[in-house]
Each structure stands twice: as C-alpha cells, then as structure tokens.
Amino acid sequence: MTITETPAGPYGYSEEKQAYLRRLKRAEGQVRGIARMIEEDKYCIDILTQMAAVNKALHAVSIGLLEDHIAHCVVNAAQESQESGNPEIVAAKVAEATAAISRLLRS
C-alpha cells in the first residue's frame, strides 16, 4: 500500500464520498437560489443569510476532508515512515496538512 492508498480506496474520504457529494450538491442548489434572489431583487439581508448557509456547508465539507486526510493519509505516512525509517515521508504529509489548514484559515 502506498502513502495515498487505504483499504477503503485511494484516499481517506472514500468512505464519505457520497455524503460529501450530497452536501456539495445541496450547496450548489443554494448558490443557484442566491443568484435567483439577486435576479429577483430580494432583500439583501435574506441574501446574506443564504450566503452564510452556503459558507457553512462548504466549511463542513472542508473540515471533513481535512479530518479524513489526517486520519488516513497522515497516519498511513507515519506508519510508512516508521517502517522505512524515512522521516521525510510523514514530514511531507504533515506539511501538506498544515498548508491546507492555512488555506482554510485564509478563506
């Protein structure tokens, strides 16, 4: 098994894939609804409320993917690093996770 493979599939999110896709499709529908609200000149506070809901949905998917990455990819890299004696394997995955966290904090 390579660093990115897990028993469930190539990536840690494989088991949650359908749930993530459902959440993203729901957010996609919300975004279309927001566009429609703007086209129909709806009240700005109502639009902002819907924007917050979309942001929350996307944030939930992001956190879930990050958790899956740490639980699977980083853990697998740590195991491989220990077995091979190469600390760079786990260091690379930790750096990758840290960069992802940094991007999420900036958004």
PDB file of N, CA and C in Angstrom:
ATOM      1  N   MET A   1       0.847  -1.184   0.000  1.00  0.00           N
ATOM      2  CA  MET A   1       0.000   0.000   0.000  1.00  0.00           C
ATOM      3  C   MET A   1       0.890   1.244   0.000  1.00  0.00           C
ATOM      4  N   THR A   2       0.585   2.205  -0.872  1.00  0.00           N
ATOM      5  CA  THR A   2       1.370   3.439  -0.927  1.00  0.00           C
ATOM      6  C   THR A   2       0.816   4.441   0.075  1.00  0.00           C
ATOM      7  N   ILE A   3       1.464   5.575   0.187  1.00  0.00           N
ATOM      8  CA  ILE A   3       1.074   6.607   1.144  1.00  0.00           C
ATOM      9  C   ILE A   3      -0.379   7.031   0.954  1.00  0.00           C
ATOM     10  N   THR A   4      -0.839   7.144  -0.289  1.00  0.00           N
ATOM     11  CA  THR A   4      -2.175   7.678  -0.537  1.00  0.00           C
ATOM     12  C   THR A   4      -3.255   6.602  -0.596  1.00  0.00           C
ATOM     13  N   GLU A   5      -2.886   5.339  -0.543  1.00  0.00           N
ATOM     14  CA  GLU A   5      -3.895   4.288  -0.603  1.00  0.00           C
ATOM     15  C   GLU A   5      -4.326   3.876   0.794  1.00  0.00           C
ATOM     16  N   THR A   6      -5.590   3.525   0.917  1.00  0.00           N
ATOM     17  CA  THR A   6      -6.136   2.992   2.155  1.00  0.00           C
ATOM     18  C   THR A   6      -6.975   1.785   1.793  1.00  0.00           C
ATOM     19  N   PRO A   7      -7.349   0.949   2.758  1.00  0.00           N
ATOM     20  CA  PRO A   7      -8.193  -0.200   2.444  1.00  0.00           C
ATOM     21  C   PRO A   7      -9.526   0.211   1.794  1.00  0.00           C
ATOM     22  N   ALA A   8     -10.048   1.388   2.115  1.00  0.00           N
ATOM     23  CA  ALA A   8     -11.332   1.839   1.577  1.00  0.00           C
ATOM     24  C   ALA A   8     -11.196   2.378   0.157  1.00  0.00           C
ATOM     25  N   GLY A   9     -10.016   2.718  -0.277  1.00  0.00           N
ATOM     26  CA  GLY A   9      -9.813   3.301  -1.595  1.00  0.00           C
ATOM     27  C   GLY A   9      -8.549   4.117  -1.606  1.00  0.00           C
ATOM     28  N   PRO A  10      -8.340   4.876  -2.675  1.00  0.00           N
ATOM     29  CA  PRO A  10      -7.086   5.608  -2.786  1.00  0.00           C
ATOM     30  C   PRO A  10      -6.936   6.764  -1.809  1.00  0.00           C
ATOM     31  N   TYR A  11      -8.042   7.328  -1.318  1.00  0.00           N
ATOM     32  CA  TYR A  11      -7.956   8.470  -0.411  1.00  0.00           C
ATOM     33  C   TYR A  11      -8.838   8.244   0.802  1.00  0.00           C
ATOM     34  N   GLY A  12      -8.543   8.961   1.864  1.00  0.00           N
ATOM     35  CA  GLY A  12      -9.252   8.794   3.121  1.00  0.00           C
ATOM     36  C   GLY A  12     -10.718   9.159   3.070  1.00  0.00           C
ATOM     37  N   TYR A  13     -11.112  10.020   2.137  1.00  0.00           N
ATOM     38  CA  TYR A  13     -12.505  10.447   2.090  1.00  0.00           C
ATOM     39  C   TYR A  13     -13.406   9.451   1.368  1.00  0.00           C
ATOM     40  N   SER A  14     -12.854   8.378   0.828  1.00  0.00           N
ATOM     41  CA  SER A  14     -13.625   7.445   0.007  1.00  0.00           C
ATOM     42  C   SER A  14     -14.898   6.955   0.689  1.00  0.00           C
ATOM     43  N   GLU A  15     -14.819   6.663   1.965  1.00  0.00           N
ATOM     44  CA  GLU A  15     -15.999   6.164   2.687  1.00  0.00           C
ATOM     45  C   GLU A  15     -17.077   7.230   2.819  1.00  0.00           C
ATOM     46  N   GLU A  16     -16.698   8.497   2.815  1.00  0.00           N
ATOM     47  CA  GLU A  16     -17.641   9.607   2.977  1.00  0.00           C
ATOM     48  C   GLU A  16     -17.972  10.297   1.652  1.00  0.00           C
ATOM     49  N   LYS A  17     -17.490   9.744   0.567  1.00  0.00           N
ATOM     50  CA  LYS A  17     -17.619  10.398  -0.737  1.00  0.00           C
ATOM     51  C   LYS A  17     -19.062  10.775  -1.061  1.00  0.00           C
ATOM     52  N   GLN A  18     -19.988   9.851  -0.905  1.00  0.00           N
ATOM     53  CA  GLN A  18     -21.388  10.134  -1.252  1.00  0.00           C
ATOM     54  C   GLN A  18     -21.972  11.226  -0.362  1.00  0.00           C
ATOM     55  N   ALA A  19     -21.621  11.228   0.919  1.00  0.00           N
ATOM     56  CA  ALA A  19     -22.109  12.277   1.827  1.00  0.00           C
ATOM     57  C   ALA A  19     -21.557  13.637   1.418  1.00  0.00           C
ATOM     58  N   TYR A  20     -20.283  13.685   1.046  1.00  0.00           N
ATOM     59  CA  TYR A  20     -19.692  14.951   0.602  1.00  0.00           C
ATOM     60  C   TYR A  20     -20.363  15.430  -0.686  1.00  0.00           C
ATOM     61  N   LEU A  21     -20.596  14.510  -1.603  1.00  0.00           N
ATOM     62  CA  LEU A  21     -21.246  14.893  -2.856  1.00  0.00           C
ATOM     63  C   LEU A  21     -22.656  15.422  -2.609  1.00  0.00           C
ATOM     64  N   ARG A  22     -23.398  14.803  -1.691  1.00  0.00           N
ATOM     65  CA  ARG A  22     -24.739  15.303  -1.355  1.00  0.00           C
ATOM     66  C   ARG A  22     -24.670  16.710  -0.783  1.00  0.00           C
ATOM     67  N   ARG A  23     -23.739  16.933   0.131  1.00  0.00           N
ATOM     68  CA  ARG A  23     -23.593  18.266   0.726  1.00  0.00           C
ATOM     69  C   ARG A  23     -23.230  19.304  -0.324  1.00  0.00           C
ATOM     70  N   LEU A  24     -22.331  18.942  -1.226  1.00  0.00           N
ATOM     71  CA  LEU A  24     -21.914  19.883  -2.265  1.00  0.00           C
ATOM     72  C   LEU A  24     -23.047  20.167  -3.253  1.00  0.00           C
ATOM     73  N   LYS A  25     -23.826  19.168  -3.576  1.00  0.00           N
ATOM     74  CA  LYS A  25     -24.972  19.400  -4.470  1.00  0.00           C
ATOM     75  C   LYS A  25     -26.002  20.295  -3.800  1.00  0.00           C
ATOM     76  N   ARG A  26     -26.183  20.121  -2.492  1.00  0.00           N
ATOM     77  CA  ARG A  26     -27.093  20.994  -1.749  1.00  0.00           C
ATOM     78  C   ARG A  26     -26.573  22.432  -1.764  1.00  0.00           C
ATOM     79  N   ALA A  27     -25.272  22.600  -1.548  1.00  0.00           N
ATOM     80  CA  ALA A  27     -24.673  23.941  -1.585  1.00  0.00           C
ATOM     81  C   ALA A  27     -24.784  24.534  -2.989  1.00  0.00           C
ATOM     82  N   GLU A  28     -24.616  23.713  -3.993  1.00  0.00           N
ATOM     83  CA  GLU A  28     -24.755  24.174  -5.369  1.00  0.00           C
ATOM     84  C   GLU A  28     -26.176  24.703  -5.610  1.00  0.00           C
ATOM     85  N   GLY A  29     -27.159  23.999  -5.091  1.00  0.00           N
ATOM     86  CA  GLY A  29     -28.545  24.451  -5.203  1.00  0.00           C
ATOM     87  C   GLY A  29     -28.770  25.764  -4.465  1.00  0.00           C
ATOM     88  N   GLN A  30     -28.135  25.882  -3.304  1.00  0.00           N
ATOM     89  CA  GLN A  30     -28.251  27.130  -2.545  1.00  0.00           C
ATOM     90  C   GLN A  30     -27.637  28.296  -3.320  1.00  0.00           C
ATOM     91  N   VAL A  31     -26.514  28.070  -3.973  1.00  0.00           N
ATOM     92  CA  VAL A  31     -25.874  29.130  -4.750  1.00  0.00           C
ATOM     93  C   VAL A  31     -26.773  29.550  -5.912  1.00  0.00           C
ATOM     94  N   ARG A  32     -27.378  28.576  -6.575  1.00  0.00           N
ATOM     95  CA  ARG A  32     -28.327  28.927  -7.644  1.00  0.00           C
ATOM     96  C   ARG A  32     -29.493  29.731  -7.078  1.00  0.00           C
ATOM     97  N   GLY A  33     -29.956  29.355  -5.880  1.00  0.00           N
ATOM     98  CA  GLY A  33     -31.027  30.102  -5.231  1.00  0.00           C
ATOM     99  C   GLY A  33     -30.620  31.530  -4.911  1.00  0.00           C
ATOM    100  N   ILE A  34     -29.386  31.711  -4.498  1.00  0.00           N
ATOM    101  CA  ILE A  34     -28.878  33.060  -4.205  1.00  0.00           C
ATOM    102  C   ILE A  34     -28.852  33.897  -5.478  1.00  0.00           C
ATOM    103  N   ALA A  35     -28.391  33.303  -6.572  1.00  0.00           N
ATOM    104  CA  ALA A  35     -28.368  34.029  -7.847  1.00  0.00           C
ATOM    105  C   ALA A  35     -29.791  34.443  -8.235  1.00  0.00           C
ATOM    106  N   ARG A  36     -30.728  33.535  -8.033  1.00  0.00           N
ATOM    107  CA  ARG A  36     -32.124  33.841  -8.338  1.00  0.00           C
ATOM    108  C   ARG A  36     -32.644  34.965  -7.443  1.00  0.00           C
ATOM    109  N   MET A  37     -32.264  34.950  -6.171  1.00  0.00           N
ATOM    110  CA  MET A  37     -32.675  36.011  -5.249  1.00  0.00           C
ATOM    111  C   MET A  37     -32.161  37.367  -5.717  1.00  0.00           C
ATOM    112  N   ILE A  38     -30.927  37.393  -6.184  1.00  0.00           N
ATOM    113  CA  ILE A  38     -30.355  38.654  -6.665  1.00  0.00           C
ATOM    114  C   ILE A  38     -31.078  39.102  -7.932  1.00  0.00           C
ATOM    115  N   GLU A  39     -31.307  38.150  -8.837  1.00  0.00           N
ATOM    116  CA  GLU A  39     -32.047  38.488 -10.061  1.00  0.00           C
ATOM    117  C   GLU A  39     -33.424  39.070  -9.743  1.00  0.00           C
ATOM    118  N   GLU A  40     -34.049  38.559  -8.680  1.00  0.00           N
ATOM    119  CA  GLU A  40     -35.399  38.990  -8.310  1.00  0.00           C
ATOM    120  C   GLU A  40     -35.394  40.158  -7.326  1.00  0.00           C
ATOM    121  N   ASP A  41     -34.224  40.742  -7.096  1.00  0.00           N
ATOM    122  CA  ASP A  41     -34.089  41.908  -6.207  1.00  0.00           C
ATOM    123  C   ASP A  41     -34.634  41.645  -4.803  1.00  0.00           C
ATOM    124  N   LYS A  42     -34.261  40.512  -4.233  1.00  0.00           N
ATOM    125  CA  LYS A  42     -34.691  40.185  -2.871  1.00  0.00           C
ATOM    126  C   LYS A  42     -33.916  41.033  -1.863  1.00  0.00           C
ATOM    127  N   TYR A  43     -34.406  41.049  -0.653  1.00  0.00           N
ATOM    128  CA  TYR A  43     -33.829  41.833   0.435  1.00  0.00           C
ATOM    129  C   TYR A  43     -32.398  41.368   0.716  1.00  0.00           C
ATOM    130  N   CYS A  44     -31.473  42.304   0.831  1.00  0.00           N
ATOM    131  CA  CYS A  44     -30.053  41.994   0.960  1.00  0.00           C
ATOM    132  C   CYS A  44     -29.746  41.122   2.185  1.00  0.00           C
ATOM    133  N   ILE A  45     -30.417  41.355   3.287  1.00  0.00           N
ATOM    134  CA  ILE A  45     -30.158  40.559   4.495  1.00  0.00           C
ATOM    135  C   ILE A  45     -30.554  39.103   4.270  1.00  0.00           C
ATOM    136  N   ASP A  46     -31.633  38.868   3.534  1.00  0.00           N
ATOM    137  CA  ASP A  46     -32.029  37.497   3.215  1.00  0.00           C
ATOM    138  C   ASP A  46     -30.982  36.813   2.339  1.00  0.00           C
ATOM    139  N   ILE A  47     -30.416  37.558   1.412  1.00  0.00           N
ATOM    140  CA  ILE A  47     -29.363  37.013   0.553  1.00  0.00           C
ATOM    141  C   ILE A  47     -28.125  36.693   1.384  1.00  0.00           C
ATOM    142  N   LEU A  48     -27.758  37.608   2.263  1.00  0.00           N
ATOM    143  CA  LEU A  48     -26.588  37.375   3.122  1.00  0.00           C
ATOM    144  C   LEU A  48     -26.788  36.172   4.031  1.00  0.00           C
ATOM    145  N   THR A  49     -28.002  35.960   4.491  1.00  0.00           N
ATOM    146  CA  THR A  49     -28.308  34.789   5.325  1.00  0.00           C
ATOM    147  C   THR A  49     -28.059  33.505   4.535  1.00  0.00           C
ATOM    148  N   GLN A  50     -28.490  33.504   3.285  1.00  0.00           N
ATOM    149  CA  GLN A  50     -28.261  32.331   2.435  1.00  0.00           C
ATOM    150  C   GLN A  50     -26.778  32.152   2.118  1.00  0.00           C
ATOM    151  N   MET A  51     -26.063  33.253   1.949  1.00  0.00           N
ATOM    152  CA  MET A  51     -24.620  33.181   1.711  1.00  0.00           C
ATOM    153  C   MET A  51     -23.912  32.527   2.906  1.00  0.00           C
ATOM    154  N   ALA A  52     -24.335  32.914   4.098  1.00  0.00           N
ATOM    155  CA  ALA A  52     -23.740  32.326   5.308  1.00  0.00           C
ATOM    156  C   ALA A  52     -24.005  30.825   5.359  1.00  0.00           C
ATOM    157  N   ALA A  53     -25.198  30.406   4.947  1.00  0.00           N
ATOM    158  CA  ALA A  53     -25.537  28.975   4.944  1.00  0.00           C
ATOM    159  C   ALA A  53     -24.648  28.204   3.962  1.00  0.00           C
ATOM    160  N   VAL A  54     -24.401  28.778   2.797  1.00  0.00           N
ATOM    161  CA  VAL A  54     -23.524  28.125   1.810  1.00  0.00           C
ATOM    162  C   VAL A  54     -22.107  28.033   2.359  1.00  0.00           C
ATOM    163  N   ASN A  55     -21.624  29.121   2.938  1.00  0.00           N
ATOM    164  CA  ASN A  55     -20.273  29.109   3.512  1.00  0.00           C
ATOM    165  C   ASN A  55     -20.148  28.051   4.595  1.00  0.00           C
ATOM    166  N   LYS A  56     -21.165  27.917   5.422  1.00  0.00           N
ATOM    167  CA  LYS A  56     -21.143  26.914   6.490  1.00  0.00           C
ATOM    168  C   LYS A  56     -21.109  25.505   5.906  1.00  0.00           C
ATOM    169  N   ALA A  57     -21.889  25.266   4.868  1.00  0.00           N
ATOM    170  CA  ALA A  57     -21.909  23.945   4.229  1.00  0.00           C
ATOM    171  C   ALA A  57     -20.550  23.608   3.624  1.00  0.00           C
ATOM    172  N   LEU A  58     -19.954  24.568   2.929  1.00  0.00           N
ATOM    173  CA  LEU A  58     -18.638  24.334   2.331  1.00  0.00           C
ATOM    174  C   LEU A  58     -17.573  24.139   3.405  1.00  0.00           C
ATOM    175  N   HIS A  59     -17.692  24.898   4.487  1.00  0.00           N
ATOM    176  CA  HIS A  59     -16.751  24.759   5.600  1.00  0.00           C
ATOM    177  C   HIS A  59     -16.846  23.352   6.203  1.00  0.00           C
ATOM    178  N   ALA A  60     -18.065  22.838   6.347  1.00  0.00           N
ATOM    179  CA  ALA A  60     -18.246  21.499   6.906  1.00  0.00           C
ATOM    180  C   ALA A  60     -17.591  20.439   6.026  1.00  0.00           C
ATOM    181  N   VAL A  61     -17.722  20.569   4.711  1.00  0.00           N
ATOM    182  CA  VAL A  61     -17.072  19.627   3.802  1.00  0.00           C
ATOM    183  C   VAL A  61     -15.553  19.766   3.911  1.00  0.00           C
ATOM    184  N   SER A  62     -15.062  20.986   3.975  1.00  0.00           N
ATOM    185  CA  SER A  62     -13.618  21.215   4.093  1.00  0.00           C
ATOM    186  C   SER A  62     -13.049  20.583   5.354  1.00  0.00           C
ATOM    187  N   ILE A  63     -13.724  20.791   6.464  1.00  0.00           N
ATOM    188  CA  ILE A  63     -13.251  20.217   7.737  1.00  0.00           C
ATOM    189  C   ILE A  63     -13.287  18.696   7.681  1.00  0.00           C
ATOM    190  N   GLY A  64     -14.336  18.149   7.093  1.00  0.00           N
ATOM    191  CA  GLY A  64     -14.427  16.694   6.958  1.00  0.00           C
ATOM    192  C   GLY A  64     -13.304  16.132   6.116  1.00  0.00           C
ATOM    193  N   LEU A  65     -13.020  16.785   4.989  1.00  0.00           N
ATOM    194  CA  LEU A  65     -11.926  16.325   4.136  1.00  0.00           C
ATOM    195  C   LEU A  65     -10.580  16.435   4.846  1.00  0.00           C
ATOM    196  N   LEU A  66     -10.391  17.507   5.592  1.00  0.00           N
ATOM    197  CA  LEU A  66      -9.149  17.677   6.344  1.00  0.00           C
ATOM    198  C   LEU A  66      -9.012  16.582   7.401  1.00  0.00           C
ATOM    199  N   GLU A  67     -10.097  16.310   8.104  1.00  0.00           N
ATOM    200  CA  GLU A  67     -10.074  15.249   9.119  1.00  0.00           C
ATOM    201  C   GLU A  67      -9.755  13.901   8.475  1.00  0.00           C
ATOM    202  N   ASP A  68     -10.386  13.621   7.326  1.00  0.00           N
ATOM    203  CA  ASP A  68     -10.102  12.372   6.625  1.00  0.00           C
ATOM    204  C   ASP A  68      -8.646  12.305   6.182  1.00  0.00           C
ATOM    205  N   HIS A  69      -8.114  13.429   5.711  1.00  0.00           N
ATOM    206  CA  HIS A  69      -6.718  13.455   5.277  1.00  0.00           C
ATOM    207  C   HIS A  69      -5.784  13.117   6.442  1.00  0.00           C
ATOM    208  N   ILE A  70      -6.032  13.727   7.571  1.00  0.00           N
ATOM    209  CA  ILE A  70      -5.173  13.469   8.728  1.00  0.00           C
ATOM    210  C   ILE A  70      -5.336  12.030   9.205  1.00  0.00           C
ATOM    211  N   ALA A  71      -6.585  11.574   9.308  1.00  0.00           N
ATOM    212  CA  ALA A  71      -6.849  10.231   9.837  1.00  0.00           C
ATOM    213  C   ALA A  71      -6.310   9.128   8.936  1.00  0.00           C
ATOM    214  N   HIS A  72      -6.260   9.386   7.645  1.00  0.00           N
ATOM    215  CA  HIS A  72      -5.837   8.332   6.738  1.00  0.00           C
ATOM    216  C   HIS A  72      -4.463   8.597   6.141  1.00  0.00           C
ATOM    217  N   CYS A  73      -4.336   9.679   5.402  1.00  0.00           N
ATOM    218  CA  CYS A  73      -3.092   9.928   4.675  1.00  0.00           C
ATOM    219  C   CYS A  73      -1.914  10.194   5.608  1.00  0.00           C
ATOM    220  N   VAL A  74      -2.126  11.041   6.615  1.00  0.00           N
ATOM    221  CA  VAL A  74      -1.027  11.355   7.534  1.00  0.00           C
ATOM    222  C   VAL A  74      -0.690  10.137   8.398  1.00  0.00           C
ATOM    223  N   VAL A  75      -1.708   9.439   8.876  1.00  0.00           N
ATOM    224  CA  VAL A  75      -1.468   8.243   9.693  1.00  0.00           C
ATOM    225  C   VAL A  75      -0.746   7.183   8.865  1.00  0.00           C
ATOM    226  N   ASN A  76      -1.199   6.964   7.621  1.00  0.00           N
ATOM    227  CA  ASN A  76      -0.508   5.990   6.766  1.00  0.00           C
ATOM    228  C   ASN A  76       0.932   6.404   6.500  1.00  0.00           C
ATOM    229  N   ALA A  77       1.148   7.698   6.306  1.00  0.00           N
ATOM    230  CA  ALA A  77       2.517   8.183   6.084  1.00  0.00           C
ATOM    231  C   ALA A  77       3.374   7.962   7.323  1.00  0.00           C
ATOM    232  N   ALA A  78       2.795   8.153   8.495  1.00  0.00           N
ATOM    233  CA  ALA A  78       3.540   7.919   9.742  1.00  0.00           C
ATOM    234  C   ALA A  78       3.932   6.451   9.863  1.00  0.00           C
ATOM    235  N   GLN A  79       3.003   5.569   9.518  1.00  0.00           N
ATOM    236  CA  GLN A  79       3.311   4.136   9.569  1.00  0.00           C
ATOM    237  C   GLN A  79       4.396   3.769   8.562  1.00  0.00           C
ATOM    238  N   GLU A  80       4.255   4.292   7.339  1.00  0.00           N
ATOM    239  CA  GLU A  80       5.258   4.014   6.317  1.00  0.00           C
ATOM    240  C   GLU A  80       6.606   4.605   6.703  1.00  0.00           C
ATOM    241  N   SER A  81       6.580   5.788   7.290  1.00  0.00           N
ATOM    242  CA  SER A  81       7.805   6.439   7.727  1.00  0.00           C
ATOM    243  C   SER A  81       8.512   5.605   8.785  1.00  0.00           C
ATOM    244  N   GLN A  82       7.726   5.079   9.714  1.00  0.00           N
ATOM    245  CA  GLN A  82       8.303   4.248  10.780  1.00  0.00           C
ATOM    246  C   GLN A  82       8.868   2.944  10.211  1.00  0.00           C
ATOM    247  N   GLU A  83       8.124   2.333   9.306  1.00  0.00           N
ATOM    248  CA  GLU A  83       8.576   1.069   8.718  1.00  0.00           C
ATOM    249  C   GLU A  83       9.831   1.241   7.866  1.00  0.00           C
ATOM    250  N   SER A  84       9.904   2.346   7.145  1.00  0.00           N
ATOM    251  CA  SER A  84      11.035   2.562   6.237  1.00  0.00           C
ATOM    252  C   SER A  84      12.211   3.262   6.912  1.00  0.00           C
ATOM    253  N   GLY A  85      11.934   3.916   8.050  1.00  0.00           N
ATOM    254  CA  GLY A  85      12.976   4.697   8.702  1.00  0.00           C
ATOM    255  C   GLY A  85      13.217   6.041   8.036  1.00  0.00           C
ATOM    256  N   ASN A  86      12.302   6.441   7.166  1.00  0.00           N
ATOM    257  CA  ASN A  86      12.439   7.695   6.433  1.00  0.00           C
ATOM    258  C   ASN A  86      11.469   8.729   7.013  1.00  0.00           C
ATOM    259  N   PRO A  87      11.945   9.643   7.846  1.00  0.00           N
ATOM    260  CA  PRO A  87      11.062  10.624   8.476  1.00  0.00           C
ATOM    261  C   PRO A  87      10.496  11.652   7.493  1.00  0.00           C
ATOM    262  N   GLU A  88      11.088  11.752   6.305  1.00  0.00           N
ATOM    263  CA  GLU A  88      10.609  12.725   5.326  1.00  0.00           C
ATOM    264  C   GLU A  88       9.209  12.377   4.802  1.00  0.00           C
ATOM    265  N   ILE A  89       8.846  11.109   4.847  1.00  0.00           N
ATOM    266  CA  ILE A  89       7.530  10.691   4.357  1.00  0.00           C
ATOM    267  C   ILE A  89       6.430  11.352   5.176  1.00  0.00           C
ATOM    268  N   VAL A  90       6.514  11.222   6.485  1.00  0.00           N
ATOM    269  CA  VAL A  90       5.484  11.817   7.344  1.00  0.00           C
ATOM    270  C   VAL A  90       5.612  13.336   7.379  1.00  0.00           C
ATOM    271  N   ALA A  91       6.826  13.848   7.325  1.00  0.00           N
ATOM    272  CA  ALA A  91       7.027  15.300   7.342  1.00  0.00           C
ATOM    273  C   ALA A  91       6.340  15.951   6.143  1.00  0.00           C
ATOM    274  N   ALA A  92       6.396  15.291   4.988  1.00  0.00           N
ATOM    275  CA  ALA A  92       5.754  15.839   3.782  1.00  0.00           C
ATOM    276  C   ALA A  92       4.240  15.887   3.946  1.00  0.00           C
ATOM    277  N   LYS A  93       3.650  14.840   4.530  1.00  0.00           N
ATOM    278  CA  LYS A  93       2.189  14.810   4.714  1.00  0.00           C
ATOM    279  C   LYS A  93       1.746  15.813   5.773  1.00  0.00           C
ATOM    280  N   VAL A  94       2.534  15.986   6.809  1.00  0.00           N
ATOM    281  CA  VAL A  94       2.202  16.978   7.836  1.00  0.00           C
ATOM    282  C   VAL A  94       2.276  18.382   7.234  1.00  0.00           C
ATOM    283  N   ALA A  95       3.301  18.639   6.435  1.00  0.00           N
ATOM    284  CA  ALA A  95       3.424  19.947   5.775  1.00  0.00           C
ATOM    285  C   ALA A  95       2.246  20.192   4.839  1.00  0.00           C
ATOM    286  N   GLU A  96       1.821  19.159   4.148  1.00  0.00           N
ATOM    287  CA  GLU A  96       0.671  19.251   3.247  1.00  0.00           C
ATOM    288  C   GLU A  96      -0.601  19.600   4.035  1.00  0.00           C
ATOM    289  N   ALA A  97      -0.812  18.926   5.159  1.00  0.00           N
ATOM    290  CA  ALA A  97      -1.976  19.206   6.001  1.00  0.00           C
ATOM    291  C   ALA A  97      -1.911  20.619   6.583  1.00  0.00           C
ATOM    292  N   THR A  98      -0.739  21.028   7.002  1.00  0.00           N
ATOM    293  CA  THR A  98      -0.562  22.373   7.555  1.00  0.00           C
ATOM    294  C   THR A  98      -0.871  23.444   6.510  1.00  0.00           C
ATOM    295  N   ALA A  99      -0.425  23.224   5.281  1.00  0.00           N
ATOM    296  CA  ALA A  99      -0.723  24.170   4.198  1.00  0.00           C
ATOM    297  C   ALA A  99      -2.223  24.219   3.914  1.00  0.00           C
ATOM    298  N   ALA A 100      -2.884  23.082   3.982  1.00  0.00           N
ATOM    299  CA  ALA A 100      -4.327  23.042   3.766  1.00  0.00           C
ATOM    300  C   ALA A 100      -5.053  23.814   4.869  1.00  0.00           C
ATOM    301  N   ILE A 101      -4.636  23.621   6.095  1.00  0.00           N
ATOM    302  CA  ILE A 101      -5.225  24.349   7.228  1.00  0.00           C
ATOM    303  C   ILE A 101      -5.027  25.859   7.048  1.00  0.00           C
ATOM    304  N   SER A 102      -3.843  26.233   6.621  1.00  0.00           N
ATOM    305  CA  SER A 102      -3.537  27.638   6.385  1.00  0.00           C
ATOM    306  C   SER A 102      -4.462  28.222   5.327  1.00  0.00           C
ATOM    307  N   ARG A 103      -4.683  27.498   4.246  1.00  0.00           N
ATOM    308  CA  ARG A 103      -5.595  27.962   3.181  1.00  0.00           C
ATOM    309  C   ARG A 103      -7.007  28.107   3.720  1.00  0.00           C
ATOM    310  N   LEU A 104      -7.442  27.158   4.543  1.00  0.00           N
ATOM    311  CA  LEU A 104      -8.802  27.247   5.115  1.00  0.00           C
ATOM    312  C   LEU A 104      -8.948  28.446   6.035  1.00  0.00           C
ATOM    313  N   LEU A 105      -7.905  28.750   6.782  1.00  0.00           N
ATOM    314  CA  LEU A 105      -7.970  29.890   7.705  1.00  0.00           C
ATOM    315  C   LEU A 105      -8.011  31.210   6.943  1.00  0.00           C
ATOM    316  N   ARG A 106      -7.398  31.264   5.775  1.00  0.00           N
ATOM    317  CA  ARG A 106      -7.398  32.496   4.975  1.00  0.00           C
ATOM    318  C   ARG A 106      -8.713  32.706   4.254  1.00  0.00           C
ATOM    319  N   SER A 107      -9.480  31.642   4.076  1.00  0.00           N
ATOM    320  CA  SER A 107     -10.724  31.786   3.295  1.00  0.00           C
ATOM    321  C   SER A 107     -11.858  32.355   4.117  1.00  0.00           C
TER     322      SER A 107
END
